[in-house]
């Protein structure tokens, strides 16, 4: 999981809880159905899907986040919060503005954007479609292996230990060796390519 995403998730939640405790919340933003909203939003990488509030108003996920950000900004200003709180608001606003303009700016910062970018590169490199079974397999295995979560940032880092461990666990779990048509081969190819790209990037910086 991205450190930026974790920082914002924990920080904004703590800030909103402080607002609730201090009775500083504004308009009611209660969702009509939180479960349905989560399902709809998580399946919409375009960020255009709207969800319904209890009062009948409809918002996109970004619009809801903007509402919460505005409320939090007012709260922080009213209590003279610390520099850490102000930095949290700055990072929050920056992420939301980039999501609105072009989510791909947030590759390596927001988990779903990172995964989306990796999948698109894999599909383009191997001339596949999103419906190809290999893509579905990769989607399933890219973040989990043998019960252990593997961050998409670990894949991006291209560390040989991560690549080797993940590939071997996938092959062992499936009972196959990374043959030319087996599931291990898809993951091996993917991880190897990411490792090469990342290594080349670091070499170019030196």
Protein backbone atom coordinates (compact mmCIF):
# COMPACT_ATOMS: atom_id res chain seq x y z
CA UNK A 1 0.00 0.00 0.00
CA UNK A 2 1.26 3.48 -0.87
CA UNK A 3 2.66 5.47 2.03
CA UNK A 4 0.93 8.59 0.69
CA UNK A 5 -2.43 6.81 0.54
CA UNK A 6 -1.99 5.42 4.07
CA UNK A 7 -0.93 8.84 5.39
CA UNK A 8 -4.03 10.49 3.92
CA UNK A 9 -6.38 7.69 4.95
CA UNK A 10 -5.26 7.74 8.58
CA UNK A 11 -4.76 11.49 8.80
CA UNK A 12 -8.07 12.56 7.28
CA UNK A 13 -9.99 10.01 9.34
CA UNK A 14 -8.40 11.30 12.55
CA UNK A 15 -9.15 14.89 11.54
CA UNK A 16 -12.80 14.13 10.78
CA UNK A 17 -13.18 12.30 14.10
CA UNK A 18 -11.83 15.40 15.87
CA UNK A 19 -14.45 17.46 14.04
CA UNK A 20 -17.23 15.13 15.14
CA UNK A 21 -16.05 15.20 18.76
CA UNK A 22 -15.94 19.02 18.71
CA UNK A 23 -19.38 19.26 17.12
CA UNK A 24 -17.90 21.12 14.16
CA UNK A 25 -19.49 19.18 11.33
CA UNK A 26 -21.46 21.04 8.68
CA UNK A 27 -24.16 19.80 6.27
CA UNK A 28 -25.32 16.20 6.54
CA UNK A 29 -23.42 14.10 4.00
CA UNK A 30 -24.84 10.74 5.09
CA UNK A 31 -25.08 8.26 2.25
CA UNK A 32 -28.37 6.61 1.42
CA UNK A 33 -26.59 3.26 1.20
CA UNK A 34 -22.93 3.13 2.18
CA UNK A 35 -22.53 -0.44 0.90
CA UNK A 36 -23.92 0.36 -2.55
CA UNK A 37 -21.89 3.56 -2.71
CA UNK A 38 -18.62 1.75 -1.97
CA UNK A 39 -19.42 -0.86 -4.61
CA UNK A 40 -20.29 1.74 -7.26
CA UNK A 41 -17.32 3.99 -6.56
CA UNK A 42 -14.76 1.18 -6.42
CA UNK A 43 -15.86 -0.06 -9.85
CA UNK A 44 -15.55 3.35 -11.50
CA UNK A 45 -12.01 4.44 -12.44
CA UNK A 46 -13.48 7.37 -14.41
CA UNK A 47 -14.54 8.99 -11.12
CA UNK A 48 -17.83 10.05 -12.72
CA UNK A 49 -20.21 7.70 -10.94
CA UNK A 50 -22.58 9.50 -8.57
CA UNK A 51 -23.95 8.21 -5.28
CA UNK A 52 -27.08 9.30 -3.45
CA UNK A 53 -27.25 10.96 -0.04
CA UNK A 54 -30.11 10.47 2.36
CA UNK A 55 -31.52 13.86 1.40
CA UNK A 56 -31.61 12.87 -2.27
CA UNK A 57 -28.61 14.86 -3.48
CA UNK A 58 -26.12 13.12 -5.74
CA UNK A 59 -22.33 13.49 -5.65
CA UNK A 60 -19.35 11.87 -7.28
CA UNK A 61 -16.68 10.49 -4.95
CA UNK A 62 -14.46 13.48 -5.78
CA UNK A 63 -17.24 15.95 -5.03
CA UNK A 64 -17.84 14.31 -1.67
CA UNK A 65 -14.14 14.47 -0.87
CA UNK A 66 -14.10 18.15 -1.82
CA UNK A 67 -17.01 18.78 0.56
CA UNK A 68 -15.16 17.07 3.40
CA UNK A 69 -11.95 18.94 2.56
CA UNK A 70 -13.75 22.29 2.71
CA UNK A 71 -15.30 21.43 6.08
CA UNK A 72 -11.93 20.23 7.42
CA UNK A 73 -10.18 23.38 6.19
CA UNK A 74 -12.67 25.58 8.03
CA UNK A 75 -12.24 23.50 11.17
CA UNK A 76 -8.45 23.65 11.12
CA UNK A 77 -8.59 27.41 10.58
CA UNK A 78 -10.99 27.89 13.49
CA UNK A 79 -8.88 26.05 16.06
CA UNK A 80 -5.44 27.23 14.96
CA UNK A 81 -4.27 23.68 14.32
CA UNK A 82 -0.66 22.55 14.05
CA UNK A 83 1.59 22.68 11.01
CA UNK A 84 1.08 18.92 10.65
CA UNK A 85 -2.67 19.40 10.23
CA UNK A 86 -2.12 22.13 7.64
CA UNK A 87 0.30 19.90 5.73
CA UNK A 88 -2.28 17.12 5.75
CA UNK A 89 -4.83 19.49 4.21
CA UNK A 90 -2.30 20.56 1.58
CA UNK A 91 -1.54 16.99 0.55
CA UNK A 92 -5.23 16.10 0.55
CA UNK A 93 -6.08 19.05 -1.69
CA UNK A 94 -3.18 18.24 -4.02
CA UNK A 95 -4.29 14.63 -4.48
CA UNK A 96 -7.90 15.65 -5.15
CA UNK A 97 -6.88 18.26 -7.71
CA UNK A 98 -4.71 15.74 -9.55
CA UNK A 99 -7.46 13.13 -9.49
CA UNK A 100 -9.78 15.68 -11.08
CA UNK A 101 -7.26 16.72 -13.74
CA UNK A 102 -5.48 13.45 -14.55
CA UNK A 103 -5.35 10.53 -12.09
CA UNK A 104 -2.24 9.13 -13.80
CA UNK A 105 -0.26 11.95 -12.17
CA UNK A 106 -0.66 9.99 -8.95
CA UNK A 107 1.01 6.77 -10.06
CA UNK A 108 3.04 5.46 -7.09
CA UNK A 109 1.01 7.63 -4.72
CA UNK A 110 -2.53 6.24 -4.96
CA UNK A 111 -2.87 2.45 -4.95
CA UNK A 112 -5.62 2.02 -7.52
CA UNK A 113 -3.92 4.44 -9.94
CA UNK A 114 -0.65 2.56 -9.58
CA UNK A 115 -2.33 -0.77 -10.28
CA UNK A 116 -4.25 0.67 -13.24
CA UNK A 117 -1.06 2.02 -14.81
CA UNK A 118 0.79 -1.27 -14.32
CA UNK A 119 -2.07 -3.25 -15.84
CA UNK A 120 -2.32 -0.93 -18.85
CA UNK A 121 1.41 -1.25 -19.54
CA UNK A 122 1.21 -5.03 -19.26
CA UNK A 123 -1.78 -5.18 -21.62
CA UNK A 124 -0.07 -2.91 -24.15
CA UNK A 125 3.22 -4.79 -24.01
CA UNK A 126 1.58 -8.17 -24.62
CA UNK A 127 -1.17 -6.89 -26.93
CA UNK A 128 -3.95 -8.23 -24.75
CA UNK A 129 -7.45 -7.00 -24.00
CA UNK A 130 -8.90 -6.31 -20.56
CA UNK A 131 -11.10 -9.39 -21.09
CA UNK A 132 -8.13 -11.73 -21.64
CA UNK A 133 -7.98 -14.46 -18.94
CA UNK A 134 -4.28 -13.71 -18.38
CA UNK A 135 -5.18 -10.16 -17.42
CA UNK A 136 -7.80 -11.46 -14.99
CA UNK A 137 -5.20 -13.77 -13.47
CA UNK A 138 -2.71 -10.97 -13.12
CA UNK A 139 -5.35 -8.73 -11.60
CA UNK A 140 -6.06 -11.45 -9.03
CA UNK A 141 -2.43 -12.16 -8.20
CA UNK A 142 -0.87 -8.72 -8.42
CA UNK A 143 -1.71 -7.82 -4.83
CA UNK A 144 -1.98 -11.19 -3.07
CA UNK A 145 0.12 -14.28 -3.00
CA UNK A 146 -0.09 -17.21 -0.62
CA UNK A 147 -2.17 -15.21 1.84
CA UNK A 148 0.35 -12.37 2.02
CA UNK A 149 -0.38 -8.93 0.62
CA UNK A 150 2.13 -7.61 -1.86
CA UNK A 151 1.99 -3.83 -2.31
CA UNK A 152 1.86 -2.50 -5.84
CA UNK A 153 4.73 -0.27 -4.77
CA UNK A 154 6.81 -3.38 -4.12
CA UNK A 155 6.12 -4.39 -7.73
CA UNK A 156 7.14 -0.94 -8.90
CA UNK A 157 10.34 -1.05 -6.90
CA UNK A 158 11.32 -4.15 -8.83
CA UNK A 159 13.36 -5.54 -5.96
CA UNK A 160 14.75 -8.95 -7.00
CA UNK A 161 13.81 -10.45 -3.63
CA UNK A 162 10.19 -9.38 -4.01
CA UNK A 163 10.04 -10.52 -7.62
CA UNK A 164 11.64 -13.89 -6.86
CA UNK A 165 9.57 -14.54 -3.73
CA UNK A 166 6.29 -13.61 -5.41
CA UNK A 167 6.91 -15.65 -8.53
CA UNK A 168 8.01 -18.73 -6.63
CA UNK A 169 5.03 -18.55 -4.25
CA UNK A 170 2.62 -18.22 -7.18
CA UNK A 171 4.17 -21.16 -8.99
CA UNK A 172 4.25 -23.29 -5.84
CA UNK A 173 0.66 -22.42 -4.98
CA UNK A 174 -0.57 -23.31 -8.48
CA UNK A 175 1.53 -26.48 -8.60
CA UNK A 176 3.15 -25.38 -11.85
CA UNK A 177 6.47 -24.18 -13.07
CA UNK A 178 6.61 -20.89 -15.01
CA UNK A 179 6.14 -22.47 -18.41
CA UNK A 180 5.35 -20.51 -21.58
CA UNK A 181 1.57 -20.75 -21.15
CA UNK A 182 1.18 -21.20 -17.40
CA UNK A 183 0.06 -18.60 -14.87
CA UNK A 184 3.55 -18.40 -13.45
CA UNK A 185 4.88 -17.27 -16.80
CA UNK A 186 2.53 -14.30 -16.95
CA UNK A 187 3.56 -13.10 -13.50
CA UNK A 188 7.23 -13.85 -14.12
CA UNK A 189 7.20 -11.83 -17.33
CA UNK A 190 5.40 -8.97 -15.64
CA UNK A 191 7.67 -8.82 -12.58
CA UNK A 192 10.83 -9.21 -14.64
CA UNK A 193 9.88 -6.35 -16.94
CA UNK A 194 9.05 -4.07 -14.02
CA UNK A 195 12.37 -5.00 -12.38
CA UNK A 196 14.29 -4.16 -15.56
CA UNK A 197 12.47 -0.85 -16.02
CA UNK A 198 13.01 0.15 -12.41
CA UNK A 199 16.69 -0.83 -12.48
CA UNK A 200 17.23 1.15 -15.67
CA UNK A 201 15.56 4.14 -14.09
CA UNK A 202 17.86 4.02 -11.07
CA UNK A 203 20.95 3.52 -13.23
CA UNK A 204 19.96 6.55 -15.29
CA UNK A 205 19.91 8.67 -12.13
CA UNK A 206 23.47 7.85 -11.16
